[in-house]
Protein backbone atom coordinates (compact mmCIF):
# COMPACT_ATOMS: atom_id res chain seq x y z
CA GLY A 1 109.43 123.00 113.05
CA GLU A 2 109.72 119.95 115.25
CA ASN A 3 112.44 118.52 113.01
CA GLU A 4 114.81 121.36 113.86
CA PHE A 5 114.72 120.19 117.45
CA HIS A 6 115.92 116.75 116.44
CA LEU A 7 118.64 117.32 113.87
CA GLN A 8 121.59 118.09 116.12
CA GLN A 9 120.50 115.59 118.73
CA ILE A 10 119.88 112.80 116.26
CA LEU A 11 123.44 112.73 114.89
CA GLY A 12 125.29 109.78 116.39
CA CYS A 13 122.13 108.06 117.57
CA GLY A 14 121.90 104.32 117.06
CA ALA A 15 119.49 103.20 114.38
CA PHE A 16 117.44 100.12 115.22
CA LEU A 17 114.81 98.18 113.33
CA ASP A 18 111.51 97.70 115.10
CA ASN A 19 112.61 94.15 115.91
CA GLY A 20 115.45 95.60 117.99
CA GLN A 21 118.28 94.82 115.57
CA GLN A 22 120.82 97.65 115.30
CA VAL A 23 121.51 98.59 111.71
CA GLY A 24 124.00 101.40 112.26
CA ASN A 25 124.34 104.96 113.45
CA VAL A 26 123.02 108.26 112.15
CA ILE A 27 125.94 110.13 110.61
CA ASP A 28 124.20 112.94 108.77
CA VAL A 29 120.88 114.53 107.88
CA VAL A 30 120.38 115.65 104.29
CA HIS A 31 117.81 118.27 103.34
CA ILE A 32 116.14 117.87 99.98
CA PRO A 33 113.08 119.74 98.78
CA GLY A 34 110.04 118.38 100.55
CA GLN A 35 111.79 116.14 103.05
CA ASP A 36 114.85 115.32 105.11
CA LEU A 37 116.87 112.14 104.74
CA LEU A 38 118.73 110.40 107.52
CA VAL A 39 122.12 109.02 106.51
CA ILE A 40 122.82 105.75 108.31
CA ASP A 41 126.28 104.17 108.41
CA HIS A 42 125.30 100.54 107.80
CA ASP A 43 128.42 98.33 107.87
CA GLY A 44 130.46 101.09 106.26
CA ARG A 45 127.85 101.82 103.60
CA GLU A 46 125.68 104.92 103.61
CA VAL A 47 121.96 104.21 103.54
CA LEU A 48 119.51 107.07 103.05
CA ILE A 49 116.29 106.85 105.03
CA PRO A 50 113.39 109.25 104.42
CA PHE A 51 112.90 111.09 107.71
CA VAL A 52 109.14 110.61 107.87
CA SER A 53 107.04 109.20 110.67
CA GLU A 54 105.91 106.19 108.63
CA ILE A 55 109.53 105.01 108.37
CA VAL A 56 111.04 106.60 111.49
CA PRO A 57 108.19 106.25 114.00
CA ASP A 58 110.21 106.67 117.18
CA ILE A 59 113.04 109.01 118.13
CA ASP A 60 114.37 108.43 121.62
CA ILE A 61 116.80 111.26 122.28
CA ALA A 62 117.29 110.29 125.92
CA ASN A 63 118.53 106.83 124.98
CA ARG A 64 120.24 107.98 121.78
CA ARG A 65 118.30 105.63 119.53
CA ILE A 66 115.89 105.88 116.66
CA THR A 67 113.57 103.18 115.37
CA ILE A 68 113.27 102.45 111.66
CA LYS A 69 110.40 100.46 110.23
CA GLU A 70 112.10 98.05 107.87
CA LYS A 71 110.82 98.36 104.34
CA GLU A 72 111.52 95.89 101.58
CA GLY A 73 115.09 96.31 100.43
CA LEU A 74 115.97 99.28 102.62
CA PHE A 75 119.19 97.75 103.89
CA ASP A 76 119.86 95.30 101.07
CA GLU A 77 123.08 95.56 99.14
């Protein structure tokens, strides 16, 4: 599907919140039944982000950046 197009190209992309703040880089994509998870290196800690359009609304391959809609607690310790 459309996700297959993204997976290789999304590795190494910068991950930004919709306010423009960079929160890390995509270091992996994990497949679990029913969905994919993006693994973000956030200050040396791995954060798993559900790879769904509600949370990852924009993938800009040309500029090597993805946008993440911040949800409560997503990047909290």
